Amino acid sequence: MYKLTKVSAVKARTQAINQLKAVLVTADPVLREELAGLGNAELFRTCAQFTGVSSREDAGEESVVQAARITLSLLAHRIGQLCEEIRDVEARLARLVERHVPQLLDVVGIGPDTAVVLLITAGDNPERLDSEASFAALCGVSPVERSSGRRQYRRLNRGGDRQANAALHRIVFTRLRVDSRTQDYYERRIKERKTRREIVRYLKRYAAGEVFHLVKQL
């Protein structure tokens, strides 16, 4: 349920950000100039401070500017509220993972959000947890055998749970940045003339195996 709430809040925040920027595109040039060059965080803070009360009833172009400022302020406040909601849900998810499956968080590259995605995938498909290979297939990281004439080869599995696949993708690329063992493996396979795509596939398959052996204990 927390995961569903977070996904909904993230979508709503993205929509609000897009709306705020769309207002800026059509806003008065003076207002656009005032906000030009600001990063997202500073832009939202500045817009949130716009007052919604005019000192007098303006007409013509000035009333349009005031309406734009009020709209930007309302959208910025909405973005701030959604950010708070997302942080709250993330904290709750982290506590749940730490309480029930802390061993997952000990794995390099796995944070609370990634752990939750993989746990949901495993929990929704208990019949697919009978082997490491079946879990890898469930996550869409098992190799698929293909042939072209006399040539036999393996291609990326494009099936399986796409959210779980994306979670494993994040694990691999985190490890490629921070884990020396993964970096050494990557360099070794490159010297063996493996492509980057092939190496990432191998690493995702390995990560799926690690997760499987931890999750099946639950």
Protein backbone atom coordinates (compact mmCIF):
# COMPACT_ATOMS: atom_id res chain seq x y z
CA MET A 1 0.00 0.00 0.00
CA TYR A 2 2.84 2.39 0.82
CA LYS A 3 4.42 1.67 -2.56
CA LEU A 4 1.15 2.47 -4.32
CA THR A 5 0.92 5.74 -2.39
CA LYS A 6 4.44 6.70 -3.35
CA VAL A 7 3.93 5.94 -7.04
CA SER A 8 0.76 8.04 -7.03
CA ALA A 9 2.47 10.94 -5.26
CA VAL A 10 5.47 10.87 -7.61
CA LYS A 11 3.16 10.98 -10.64
CA ALA A 12 1.19 13.86 -9.13
CA ARG A 13 4.41 15.75 -8.34
CA THR A 14 5.69 15.29 -11.89
CA GLN A 15 2.38 16.57 -13.24
CA ALA A 16 2.50 19.62 -10.96
CA ILE A 17 6.09 20.40 -11.98
CA ASN A 18 5.17 20.15 -15.67
CA GLN A 19 2.19 22.44 -15.10
CA LEU A 20 4.31 25.01 -13.26
CA LYS A 21 6.84 25.09 -16.09
CA ALA A 22 4.06 25.33 -18.67
CA VAL A 23 2.75 28.43 -16.87
CA LEU A 24 6.24 29.92 -17.02
CA VAL A 25 6.42 29.41 -20.79
CA THR A 26 3.35 31.60 -21.34
CA ALA A 27 3.99 34.03 -18.49
CA ASP A 28 4.79 37.72 -18.86
CA PRO A 29 8.41 38.25 -20.01
CA VAL A 30 9.18 40.28 -16.87
CA LEU A 31 8.05 37.39 -14.67
CA ARG A 32 9.99 34.88 -16.77
CA GLU A 33 13.09 37.03 -16.44
CA GLU A 34 12.63 37.18 -12.67
CA LEU A 35 12.68 33.40 -12.47
CA ALA A 36 15.19 32.67 -15.25
CA GLY A 37 18.23 30.63 -14.35
CA LEU A 38 16.83 29.20 -11.09
CA GLY A 39 17.28 25.52 -10.36
CA ASN A 40 14.17 23.52 -9.57
CA ALA A 41 14.47 23.72 -5.79
CA GLU A 42 15.06 27.48 -5.77
CA LEU A 43 12.38 28.01 -8.40
CA PHE A 44 9.78 26.20 -6.30
CA ARG A 45 10.77 28.09 -3.14
CA THR A 46 10.56 31.43 -4.94
CA CYS A 47 7.17 30.65 -6.50
CA ALA A 48 5.81 29.46 -3.16
CA GLN A 49 6.57 32.89 -1.70
CA PHE A 50 4.47 34.75 -4.26
CA THR A 51 1.57 36.42 -2.52
CA GLY A 52 -1.95 35.64 -3.59
CA VAL A 53 -3.26 39.01 -2.45
CA SER A 54 -3.00 42.07 -4.67
CA SER A 55 -2.76 45.51 -3.09
CA ARG A 56 -5.41 46.74 -5.46
CA GLU A 57 -7.70 45.44 -8.13
CA ASP A 58 -5.52 45.59 -11.22
CA ALA A 59 -6.76 45.35 -14.76
CA GLY A 60 -5.37 44.43 -18.13
CA GLU A 61 -1.88 42.95 -18.32
CA GLU A 62 -1.15 43.42 -14.60
CA SER A 63 -4.11 41.20 -13.61
CA VAL A 64 -2.77 38.49 -15.94
CA VAL A 65 0.62 38.70 -14.24
CA GLN A 66 -1.00 38.47 -10.82
CA ALA A 67 -2.98 35.40 -11.90
CA ALA A 68 0.21 33.78 -13.13
CA ARG A 69 1.97 34.50 -9.83
CA ILE A 70 -0.92 33.04 -7.83
CA THR A 71 -1.01 29.95 -10.05
CA LEU A 72 2.74 29.46 -9.66
CA SER A 73 2.43 29.84 -5.89
CA LEU A 74 -0.37 27.26 -5.66
CA LEU A 75 1.53 24.78 -7.83
CA ALA A 76 4.75 25.30 -5.86
CA HIS A 77 2.91 24.64 -2.58
CA ARG A 78 1.39 21.50 -4.08
CA ILE A 79 4.84 20.30 -5.16
CA GLY A 80 6.17 20.93 -1.65
CA GLN A 81 3.33 18.98 -0.05
CA LEU A 82 3.83 16.06 -2.42
CA CYS A 83 7.58 16.05 -1.69
CA GLU A 84 6.78 15.82 2.02
CA GLU A 85 4.35 12.98 1.37
CA ILE A 86 6.94 11.10 -0.67
CA ARG A 87 9.60 11.52 2.03
CA ASP A 88 7.15 10.30 4.68
CA VAL A 89 6.22 7.20 2.68
CA GLU A 90 9.90 6.47 1.93
CA ALA A 91 10.67 6.64 5.65
CA ARG A 92 7.83 4.22 6.41
CA LEU A 93 9.02 1.82 3.70
CA ALA A 94 12.55 1.97 5.08
CA ARG A 95 11.32 1.09 8.57
CA LEU A 96 9.33 -1.87 7.24
CA VAL A 97 12.31 -3.26 5.33
CA GLU A 98 14.65 -2.73 8.29
CA ARG A 99 12.21 -4.53 10.57
CA HIS A 100 11.39 -7.53 8.38
CA VAL A 101 14.25 -8.05 5.88
CA PRO A 102 17.28 -6.06 7.08
CA GLN A 103 19.57 -8.52 5.33
CA LEU A 104 18.49 -7.11 1.96
CA LEU A 105 19.80 -3.68 2.93
CA ASP A 106 23.23 -5.21 3.57
CA VAL A 107 23.54 -6.05 -0.14
CA VAL A 108 25.56 -3.48 -2.09
CA GLY A 109 23.29 -1.34 -4.27
CA ILE A 110 20.01 -2.15 -2.51
CA GLY A 111 18.21 0.64 -0.70
CA PRO A 112 14.75 0.56 0.90
CA ASP A 113 12.85 1.48 -2.26
CA THR A 114 14.61 -1.12 -4.40
CA ALA A 115 14.14 -3.74 -1.68
CA VAL A 116 10.40 -3.02 -1.53
CA VAL A 117 10.01 -3.44 -5.30
CA LEU A 118 11.75 -6.82 -5.24
CA LEU A 119 9.82 -7.97 -2.18
CA ILE A 120 6.51 -7.05 -3.81
CA THR A 121 7.50 -9.00 -6.92
CA ALA A 122 8.45 -12.04 -4.84
CA GLY A 123 5.35 -11.80 -2.64
CA ASP A 124 3.02 -11.57 -5.63
CA ASN A 125 4.56 -14.66 -7.23
CA PRO A 126 5.39 -17.20 -4.50
CA GLU A 127 5.10 -20.06 -6.99
CA ARG A 128 8.06 -18.57 -8.91
CA LEU A 129 10.41 -18.80 -5.92
CA ASP A 130 11.22 -22.47 -6.26
CA SER A 131 14.58 -21.82 -7.91
CA GLU A 132 17.05 -19.07 -8.68
CA ALA A 133 16.39 -19.50 -12.40
CA SER A 134 12.62 -19.07 -12.02
CA PHE A 135 13.08 -15.88 -10.01
CA ALA A 136 15.49 -14.56 -12.63
CA ALA A 137 12.88 -15.29 -15.32
CA LEU A 138 10.24 -13.56 -13.21
CA CYS A 139 12.44 -10.46 -13.10
CA GLY A 140 13.14 -10.63 -16.83
CA VAL A 141 16.89 -11.24 -16.46
CA SER A 142 17.19 -14.84 -17.56
CA PRO A 143 18.97 -15.36 -20.89
CA VAL A 144 16.82 -16.32 -23.87
CA GLU A 145 18.34 -18.76 -26.33
CA ARG A 146 18.09 -17.77 -29.99
CA SER A 147 19.56 -19.08 -33.24
CA SER A 148 20.23 -17.58 -36.63
CA GLY A 149 21.18 -20.27 -39.10
CA ARG A 150 24.13 -22.07 -37.58
CA ARG A 151 24.76 -19.36 -35.00
CA GLN A 152 23.52 -19.85 -31.46
CA TYR A 153 23.31 -16.83 -29.20
CA ARG A 154 21.54 -15.37 -26.18
CA ARG A 155 19.55 -12.18 -26.14
CA LEU A 156 18.09 -10.06 -23.37
CA ASN A 157 14.85 -11.34 -21.89
CA ARG A 158 12.25 -8.62 -22.53
CA GLY A 159 9.57 -10.32 -20.48
CA GLY A 160 9.07 -10.56 -16.72
CA ASP A 161 8.20 -7.94 -14.15
CA ARG A 162 9.48 -4.63 -15.51
CA GLN A 163 9.62 -2.91 -12.12
CA ALA A 164 11.74 -5.74 -10.70
CA ASN A 165 13.93 -5.59 -13.79
CA ALA A 166 14.38 -1.83 -13.32
CA ALA A 167 15.26 -2.41 -9.65
CA LEU A 168 17.99 -4.87 -10.62
CA HIS A 169 19.19 -2.38 -13.23
CA ARG A 170 19.60 0.25 -10.50
CA ILE A 171 21.50 -2.22 -8.33
CA VAL A 172 23.95 -3.01 -11.14
CA PHE A 173 24.65 0.60 -12.06
CA THR A 174 25.09 1.55 -8.41
CA ARG A 175 27.65 -1.24 -8.09
CA LEU A 176 29.43 -0.14 -11.23
CA ARG A 177 29.91 3.25 -9.57
CA VAL A 178 30.87 2.23 -6.04
CA ASP A 179 31.76 -1.47 -5.83
CA SER A 180 35.34 -2.43 -6.68
CA ARG A 181 34.49 -6.12 -7.23
CA THR A 182 31.85 -5.23 -9.81
CA GLN A 183 34.23 -2.78 -11.48
CA ASP A 184 36.95 -5.43 -11.66
CA TYR A 185 34.49 -7.94 -13.12
CA TYR A 186 33.39 -5.40 -15.73
CA GLU A 187 36.97 -4.67 -16.80
CA ARG A 188 37.78 -8.37 -17.00
CA ARG A 189 34.77 -9.11 -19.19
CA ILE A 190 35.52 -6.13 -21.43
CA LYS A 191 38.96 -7.62 -22.07
CA GLU A 192 37.17 -10.83 -23.06
CA ARG A 193 35.40 -8.76 -25.75
CA LYS A 194 32.01 -8.88 -24.08
CA THR A 195 29.71 -5.96 -24.82
CA ARG A 196 28.47 -3.59 -22.14
CA ARG A 197 24.94 -4.90 -22.65
CA GLU A 198 26.06 -8.50 -22.14
CA ILE A 199 27.98 -7.62 -18.98
CA VAL A 200 25.03 -5.73 -17.51
CA ARG A 201 22.82 -8.74 -18.25
CA TYR A 202 25.23 -11.05 -16.40
CA LEU A 203 25.37 -8.67 -13.44
CA LYS A 204 21.58 -8.36 -13.25
CA ARG A 205 21.29 -12.15 -13.30
CA TYR A 206 23.83 -12.38 -10.46
CA ALA A 207 21.98 -9.73 -8.42
CA ALA A 208 18.70 -11.58 -8.92
CA GLY A 209 20.34 -14.70 -7.49
CA GLU A 210 21.51 -12.82 -4.41
CA VAL A 211 18.03 -11.44 -3.81
CA PHE A 212 16.42 -14.86 -4.36
CA HIS A 213 18.54 -16.57 -1.69
CA LEU A 214 17.68 -13.87 0.85
CA VAL A 215 13.97 -13.62 0.03
CA LYS A 216 13.29 -17.38 -0.02
CA GLN A 217 14.23 -17.49 3.68
CA LEU A 218 11.20 -15.36 4.60
